Amino acid sequence: MGNSFGSLFRFTIFGQSHAPAIGVTIEGLPSGFRPDMEKLQEFLNRRAPGRDRFSTARREADAPEFVSGLTGGAVCGAPVTALIRNADTRSKDYSELEYVPRPGHADYPAMVKYGDARDFAGGGQFSGRLTAPLCIAGGLAMQVLESRGIAIHAEIAAIGGDTDPDTMFGRIDAARAQLDSVGGVIRCVCTGVPAGVGEPMFGGLENRISQAVFGIPAVKGIDFGAGFDAAAMRGSENNDPFYFDGGAVKTEGNNHGGILGGISTGMPIVFRAFFKPTPSIGRQQRSVNVKTGEAVELTVKGRHDPCIVPRAVPCVEAAAAAAVYDAILESGR
C-alpha cells in the first residue's frame, strides 16, 4: 500500500536503487491519449543524476521502457507499465552498511521492519532513485492537464537558507568543500485549476498534494499560500477579499494558496516544499553496529548529491500533477 498513490488516477512504484530495474504501473490515463515521449524524456532528464556539478556522479540514462498499456503509441485502456533499467550501480560502496545504519537515513527503521531481508544497497526502496518512476507518472499527468489548460511550474526558492538566485548555489559548493550538504525550499504554482475541485476534511486538495509530495525522500514540510507565516497574521491580514472579474469570482490576494476548506477556489494553487540536507555526507559520523552492539565511527562512501533540491524540482511538479489530476477526475471535471 505504501508504494501506491491515488484513487482514479492511481499508480504503484516498484524497484530498489540497485535492482535491475525500477518502474511504475499507472491506471487512469484516458484511452486514446498519446504521450509525447520526447517531452517526457526531457522532463525525466531534469531529475536524472550526473547531469551537472551539483548532482551525484552516478550516471543513468533514465529512458523509460513502456512494456504495457500502449498500442500504436496510444493508451489502450490497460494499465500502463514503464521500466527504467539501472546500469551505473556500485553496490560494493554499501557492503559495510548491512548492520550499521547511516544517520539521517531510513536504514535503522528498515532494519527493524524488514530484518535481514531488506535491500540496503543504495538505500533500497527508500532511495531518491525511486523518484524517477514518480516523474514518469507525474510527467504523463502533466501532459493530460496541459491539454485541459492546467499548468504546473516549480522553482527553487531557497538553498541553505539563501533566497538570492545569484548566490544560493554557492551554498552547495561551500557545503561540498566541507564534506557536508544543504537543504532548501521549492515553490510550486498550479494555474488553471477550476474552482470546486477537492473534498472537505481528510479528502482535501492540500491533503492529497501533501501526501504525494511527502513521497519524495528528504521532504520534511509543506505549506500553502501564506503558510506558516499566517500564524503570525491577524485575520484581517490573512483573509483574501473576493471581487468580480467580469463574470468570474476572484480574490484580491492569495494567502489561501488557491484552496479553502480543502476545495480549489480557481486562484493559483501555491505551495512550498521544504527539503532537509542530503543525509549522505563525507564527514565522519557516529553510529552503531546493531549486530555486535558496538558504537562505531562511520564514513559514508558512494556518490551522493550535496544538495537534492535542484534535481527535486521536477519531482515536486510530478507529485502536484498526480494529485491535482486525481482530484479533477474525482470531481467529474
Protein backbone atom coordinates (compact mmCIF):
# COMPACT_ATOMS: atom_id res chain seq x y z
CA MET A 1 0.00 0.00 0.00
CA GLY A 2 2.83 2.40 0.79
CA ASN A 3 4.09 2.38 -2.79
CA SER A 4 0.73 3.31 -4.36
CA PHE A 5 -0.96 6.68 -4.72
CA GLY A 6 -4.28 7.97 -5.99
CA SER A 7 -7.86 6.90 -6.47
CA LEU A 8 -8.96 7.24 -10.11
CA PHE A 9 -5.51 8.24 -11.33
CA ARG A 10 -3.59 5.58 -9.45
CA PHE A 11 -0.03 4.38 -9.76
CA THR A 12 2.29 1.96 -7.98
CA ILE A 13 6.06 2.46 -7.92
CA PHE A 14 8.34 -0.58 -7.67
CA GLY A 15 12.04 -1.46 -7.54
CA GLN A 16 15.09 -0.55 -5.49
CA SER A 17 18.06 1.72 -6.06
CA HIS A 18 20.41 -1.08 -7.20
CA ALA A 19 17.81 -3.55 -8.53
CA PRO A 20 17.99 -4.45 -12.23
CA ALA A 21 15.15 -2.01 -12.87
CA ILE A 22 12.71 0.39 -11.25
CA GLY A 23 9.33 1.31 -12.63
CA VAL A 24 5.69 2.27 -12.29
CA THR A 25 2.27 0.89 -13.19
CA ILE A 26 -0.34 3.57 -13.91
CA GLU A 27 -4.13 3.38 -14.09
CA GLY A 28 -6.46 6.22 -15.04
CA LEU A 29 -4.83 7.69 -18.13
CA PRO A 30 -7.51 8.39 -20.74
CA SER A 31 -7.90 5.84 -23.50
CA GLY A 32 -6.56 7.22 -26.77
CA PHE A 33 -4.14 9.61 -25.06
CA ARG A 34 -0.86 9.75 -26.96
CA PRO A 35 2.04 10.59 -24.66
CA ASP A 36 4.68 12.89 -26.10
CA MET A 37 7.69 10.67 -25.40
CA GLU A 38 10.25 13.31 -26.33
CA LYS A 39 8.66 15.76 -23.91
CA LEU A 40 8.51 13.10 -21.20
CA GLN A 41 12.22 12.31 -21.67
CA GLU A 42 13.11 15.99 -21.38
CA PHE A 43 11.16 16.07 -18.12
CA LEU A 44 12.97 12.99 -16.79
CA ASN A 45 16.34 14.44 -17.78
CA ARG A 46 15.79 17.33 -15.37
CA ARG A 47 15.73 14.82 -12.50
CA ALA A 48 18.33 12.36 -13.80
CA PRO A 49 21.67 12.01 -11.98
CA GLY A 50 25.05 13.08 -13.28
CA ARG A 51 23.83 15.99 -15.39
CA ASP A 52 25.65 18.86 -13.64
CA ARG A 53 28.25 19.61 -10.98
CA PHE A 54 25.64 19.85 -8.22
CA SER A 55 24.44 16.24 -8.51
CA THR A 56 25.79 12.76 -7.82
CA ALA A 57 28.34 11.32 -10.25
CA ARG A 58 26.08 8.31 -10.80
CA ARG A 59 25.12 8.33 -14.47
CA GLU A 60 21.84 6.82 -15.64
CA ALA A 61 20.03 7.28 -18.96
CA ASP A 62 16.62 7.19 -17.25
CA ALA A 63 14.99 6.22 -20.55
CA PRO A 64 11.57 4.67 -19.83
CA GLU A 65 10.69 1.38 -21.49
CA PHE A 66 6.91 1.00 -21.82
CA VAL A 67 6.00 -2.68 -21.57
CA SER A 68 2.21 -2.48 -21.33
CA GLY A 69 -0.74 -0.16 -21.84
CA LEU A 70 0.25 1.42 -25.17
CA THR A 71 -0.86 0.31 -28.63
CA GLY A 72 0.45 2.21 -31.61
CA GLY A 73 1.69 4.93 -29.28
CA ALA A 74 -1.71 5.49 -27.63
CA VAL A 75 -3.07 4.43 -24.25
CA CYS A 76 -5.25 1.38 -24.96
CA GLY A 77 -7.14 1.31 -21.65
CA ALA A 78 -4.99 -1.31 -19.93
CA PRO A 79 -2.67 -0.30 -17.07
CA VAL A 80 0.44 1.44 -18.37
CA THR A 81 3.71 -0.02 -17.06
CA ALA A 82 7.10 1.57 -17.66
CA LEU A 83 10.56 0.34 -16.63
CA ILE A 84 13.83 2.20 -16.16
CA ARG A 85 16.88 -0.06 -16.23
CA ASN A 86 19.55 0.57 -13.60
CA ALA A 87 23.01 0.49 -15.14
CA ASP A 88 25.53 2.53 -13.13
CA THR A 89 25.32 0.82 -9.72
CA ARG A 90 28.19 0.26 -7.29
CA SER A 91 26.75 -1.92 -4.53
CA LYS A 92 30.19 -2.58 -3.06
CA ASP A 93 30.13 1.00 -1.70
CA TYR A 94 27.45 -0.20 0.74
CA SER A 95 28.98 -3.52 1.79
CA GLU A 96 29.90 -2.23 5.27
CA LEU A 97 26.42 -0.86 5.99
CA GLU A 98 24.43 -4.06 6.39
CA TYR A 99 24.30 -3.66 10.18
CA VAL A 100 25.43 -0.03 10.54
CA PRO A 101 22.61 2.47 9.96
CA ARG A 102 23.55 5.78 8.38
CA PRO A 103 22.44 8.85 10.39
CA GLY A 104 19.54 10.65 8.72
CA HIS A 105 18.61 7.65 6.53
CA ALA A 106 15.81 5.09 6.81
CA ASP A 107 18.36 2.33 7.43
CA TYR A 108 17.55 1.69 11.10
CA PRO A 109 13.72 1.62 10.92
CA ALA A 110 14.03 -0.52 7.77
CA MET A 111 16.21 -2.96 9.73
CA VAL A 112 13.54 -3.19 12.41
CA LYS A 113 10.65 -3.57 9.96
CA TYR A 114 12.16 -5.87 7.32
CA GLY A 115 15.09 -7.56 9.09
CA ASP A 116 17.84 -9.19 7.08
CA ALA A 117 15.56 -9.49 4.04
CA ARG A 118 15.81 -5.77 3.28
CA ASP A 119 17.80 -4.42 0.33
CA PHE A 120 20.17 -1.83 1.80
CA ALA A 121 22.37 -1.13 -1.26
CA GLY A 122 21.91 2.46 -2.31
CA GLY A 123 19.13 2.85 0.23
CA GLY A 124 16.99 0.16 -1.40
CA GLN A 125 13.37 1.17 -1.83
CA PHE A 126 13.93 4.32 0.26
CA SER A 127 16.34 5.83 -2.27
CA GLY A 128 15.68 9.05 -4.16
CA ARG A 129 16.20 6.86 -7.23
CA LEU A 130 12.52 5.93 -6.91
CA THR A 131 11.53 9.48 -7.84
CA ALA A 132 12.33 8.61 -11.46
CA PRO A 133 9.16 6.48 -11.86
CA LEU A 134 7.26 9.15 -9.91
CA CYS A 135 8.30 11.56 -12.64
CA ILE A 136 7.00 9.16 -15.31
CA ALA A 137 3.55 9.06 -13.70
CA GLY A 138 3.52 12.76 -12.89
CA GLY A 139 5.00 13.74 -16.24
CA LEU A 140 2.20 11.95 -18.08
CA ALA A 141 -0.39 13.52 -15.78
CA MET A 142 1.11 16.94 -16.57
CA GLN A 143 0.64 16.33 -20.28
CA VAL A 144 -3.04 15.46 -19.77
CA LEU A 145 -3.52 18.52 -17.56
CA GLU A 146 -1.83 20.77 -20.11
CA SER A 147 -4.35 19.63 -22.72
CA ARG A 148 -7.01 20.96 -20.33
CA GLY A 149 -5.33 24.33 -19.83
CA ILE A 150 -3.75 23.49 -16.46
CA ALA A 151 -0.06 24.29 -15.99
CA ILE A 152 2.28 23.31 -13.14
CA HIS A 153 5.62 25.00 -12.57
CA ALA A 154 8.08 24.72 -9.70
CA GLU A 155 11.29 26.58 -8.96
CA ILE A 156 13.93 26.79 -6.26
CA ALA A 157 13.01 29.35 -3.59
CA ALA A 158 15.97 28.86 -1.25
CA ILE A 159 19.10 26.77 -0.74
CA GLY A 160 20.73 26.54 2.66
CA GLY A 161 18.66 29.50 3.84
CA ASP A 162 19.79 31.72 0.95
CA THR A 163 16.95 33.11 -1.21
CA ASP A 164 19.14 35.06 -3.65
CA PRO A 165 19.25 33.27 -7.04
CA ASP A 166 22.67 34.79 -7.71
CA THR A 167 24.29 33.34 -4.61
CA MET A 168 22.22 30.41 -3.37
CA PHE A 169 24.09 27.78 -5.40
CA GLY A 170 27.29 28.87 -3.71
CA ARG A 171 25.90 27.28 -0.55
CA ILE A 172 26.12 23.89 -2.30
CA ASP A 173 29.76 24.40 -3.30
CA ALA A 174 30.68 25.52 0.21
CA ALA A 175 28.98 22.52 1.83
CA ARG A 176 30.58 20.05 -0.57
CA ALA A 177 34.03 21.53 0.06
CA GLN A 178 33.48 20.76 3.76
CA LEU A 179 32.22 17.21 3.02
CA ASP A 180 28.75 18.35 4.05
CA SER A 181 25.35 19.03 2.47
CA VAL A 182 22.50 21.56 2.47
CA GLY A 183 18.72 21.54 2.07
CA GLY A 184 16.33 24.08 0.64
CA VAL A 185 12.84 25.09 -0.44
CA ILE A 186 10.94 24.57 -3.69
CA ARG A 187 7.92 26.70 -4.59
CA CYS A 188 5.25 25.27 -6.89
CA VAL A 189 2.35 27.00 -8.66
CA CYS A 190 -0.59 25.26 -10.37
CA THR A 191 -2.64 27.53 -12.64
CA GLY A 192 -5.86 26.83 -14.48
CA VAL A 193 -7.36 24.50 -11.86
CA PRO A 194 -11.10 25.31 -11.82
CA ALA A 195 -12.97 26.15 -8.63
CA GLY A 196 -14.73 23.28 -6.89
CA VAL A 197 -12.05 20.57 -7.12
CA GLY A 198 -11.35 18.66 -3.92
CA GLU A 199 -13.16 17.39 -0.85
CA PRO A 200 -13.61 18.59 2.73
CA MET A 201 -11.65 17.35 5.73
CA PHE A 202 -9.50 14.29 5.02
CA GLY A 203 -10.04 14.39 1.26
CA GLY A 204 -8.90 17.99 0.87
CA LEU A 205 -6.74 19.12 -2.03
CA GLU A 206 -3.99 20.16 0.40
CA ASN A 207 -4.10 16.67 1.90
CA ARG A 208 -3.74 14.98 -1.48
CA ILE A 209 -0.90 17.21 -2.66
CA SER A 210 0.88 16.82 0.67
CA GLN A 211 0.62 13.02 0.54
CA ALA A 212 2.17 12.96 -2.93
CA VAL A 213 4.91 15.48 -2.10
CA PHE A 214 5.88 13.61 1.07
CA GLY A 215 6.56 10.61 -1.17
CA ILE A 216 9.71 12.45 -2.26
CA PRO A 217 12.59 11.46 0.05
CA ALA A 218 14.04 14.37 2.07
CA VAL A 219 10.78 16.38 2.16
CA LYS A 220 10.16 17.42 5.78
CA GLY A 221 7.47 20.07 5.43
CA ILE A 222 4.93 21.72 3.15
CA ASP A 223 2.79 24.85 3.37
CA PHE A 224 0.17 26.52 1.16
CA GLY A 225 -0.27 30.19 0.34
CA ALA A 226 0.95 32.31 3.25
CA GLY A 227 1.55 29.00 5.01
CA PHE A 228 3.46 29.13 8.27
CA ASP A 229 3.63 32.92 8.08
CA ALA A 230 -0.16 33.06 8.54
CA ALA A 231 0.32 32.00 12.16
CA ALA A 232 1.73 35.48 12.88
CA MET A 233 -1.00 37.38 10.97
CA ARG A 234 -4.35 38.74 12.01
CA GLY A 235 -7.49 37.59 10.25
CA SER A 236 -7.84 40.98 8.59
CA GLU A 237 -4.38 40.50 7.08
CA ASN A 238 -4.69 36.85 6.10
CA ASN A 239 -8.20 36.95 4.59
CA ASP A 240 -8.37 37.43 0.82
CA PRO A 241 -11.31 39.72 -0.17
CA PHE A 242 -13.49 38.50 -3.06
CA TYR A 243 -14.35 40.55 -6.15
CA PHE A 244 -15.89 40.08 -9.59
CA ASP A 245 -13.65 39.99 -12.66
CA GLY A 246 -16.22 40.01 -15.42
CA GLY A 247 -18.37 37.02 -14.55
CA ALA A 248 -15.65 35.26 -12.54
CA VAL A 249 -15.20 35.40 -8.77
CA LYS A 250 -11.60 36.06 -7.74
CA THR A 251 -9.68 37.14 -4.63
CA GLU A 252 -7.55 40.26 -4.21
CA GLY A 253 -4.72 38.26 -2.68
CA ASN A 254 -3.84 34.59 -2.45
CA ASN A 255 -2.84 33.94 1.15
CA HIS A 256 -5.13 30.90 0.97
CA GLY A 257 -2.97 29.41 -1.80
CA GLY A 258 -5.91 28.64 -4.07
CA ILE A 259 -7.60 26.25 -1.61
CA LEU A 260 -10.27 26.88 1.06
CA GLY A 261 -11.88 24.07 3.04
CA GLY A 262 -9.89 21.55 1.00
CA ILE A 263 -11.54 22.74 -2.25
CA SER A 264 -10.00 24.83 -5.04
CA THR A 265 -11.15 28.45 -5.44
CA GLY A 266 -9.99 28.97 -9.01
CA MET A 267 -6.99 31.03 -7.92
CA PRO A 268 -3.49 29.60 -8.49
CA ILE A 269 -2.64 26.75 -6.14
CA VAL A 270 0.62 27.76 -4.47
CA PHE A 271 2.69 25.69 -2.05
CA ARG A 272 6.25 25.30 -0.81
CA ALA A 273 8.07 22.04 -0.09
CA PHE A 274 10.90 22.04 2.45
CA PHE A 275 13.84 19.66 1.97
CA LYS A 276 16.34 18.52 4.59
CA PRO A 277 20.07 18.34 3.77
CA THR A 278 21.16 15.17 1.99
CA PRO A 279 21.97 12.73 4.83
CA SER A 280 24.83 11.03 2.97
CA ILE A 281 27.86 13.21 3.69
CA GLY A 282 31.60 12.62 3.58
CA ARG A 283 32.19 13.67 7.16
CA GLN A 284 32.79 11.03 9.80
CA GLN A 285 29.65 10.36 11.85
CA ARG A 286 28.74 8.32 14.91
CA SER A 287 26.57 5.22 14.58
CA VAL A 288 26.19 1.71 15.97
CA ASN A 289 26.59 -1.84 14.75
CA VAL A 290 23.23 -3.40 15.60
CA LYS A 291 24.65 -6.93 15.30
CA THR A 292 27.68 -6.56 17.58
CA GLY A 293 26.19 -3.90 19.86
CA GLU A 294 29.23 -1.66 19.44
CA ALA A 295 29.47 2.07 18.82
CA VAL A 296 31.24 2.83 15.52
CA GLU A 297 32.58 5.73 13.52
CA LEU A 298 31.06 5.81 10.04
CA THR A 299 32.22 7.48 6.83
CA VAL A 300 29.63 7.15 4.08
CA LYS A 301 31.07 6.02 0.76
CA GLY A 302 29.48 6.19 -2.67
CA ARG A 303 28.21 9.00 -4.90
CA HIS A 304 25.73 11.46 -3.45
CA ASP A 305 24.19 14.87 -4.11
CA PRO A 306 25.50 17.64 -1.83
CA CYS A 307 22.01 19.12 -2.26
CA ILE A 308 18.96 17.26 -3.54
CA VAL A 309 16.93 20.42 -4.23
CA PRO A 310 17.93 21.14 -7.88
CA ARG A 311 17.00 17.62 -9.02
CA ALA A 312 13.84 17.61 -6.90
CA VAL A 313 12.13 20.45 -8.81
CA PRO A 314 10.54 18.14 -11.45
CA CYS A 315 9.67 15.66 -8.67
CA VAL A 316 7.57 18.32 -6.94
CA GLU A 317 5.88 19.14 -10.25
CA ALA A 318 5.18 15.44 -10.82
CA ALA A 319 3.70 14.95 -7.35
CA ALA A 320 1.48 18.02 -7.73
CA ALA A 321 0.30 16.93 -11.18
CA ALA A 322 -0.62 13.44 -9.96
CA ALA A 323 -2.60 14.80 -7.01
CA VAL A 324 -4.40 17.51 -8.98
CA TYR A 325 -5.29 15.20 -11.87
CA ASP A 326 -6.63 12.55 -9.49
CA ALA A 327 -8.77 15.16 -7.70
CA ILE A 328 -10.08 16.51 -11.02
CA LEU A 329 -11.11 13.03 -12.13
CA GLU A 330 -12.96 12.50 -8.85
CA SER A 331 -14.75 15.83 -9.24
CA GLY A 332 -16.02 14.74 -12.65
CA ARG A 333 -14.34 17.64 -14.44
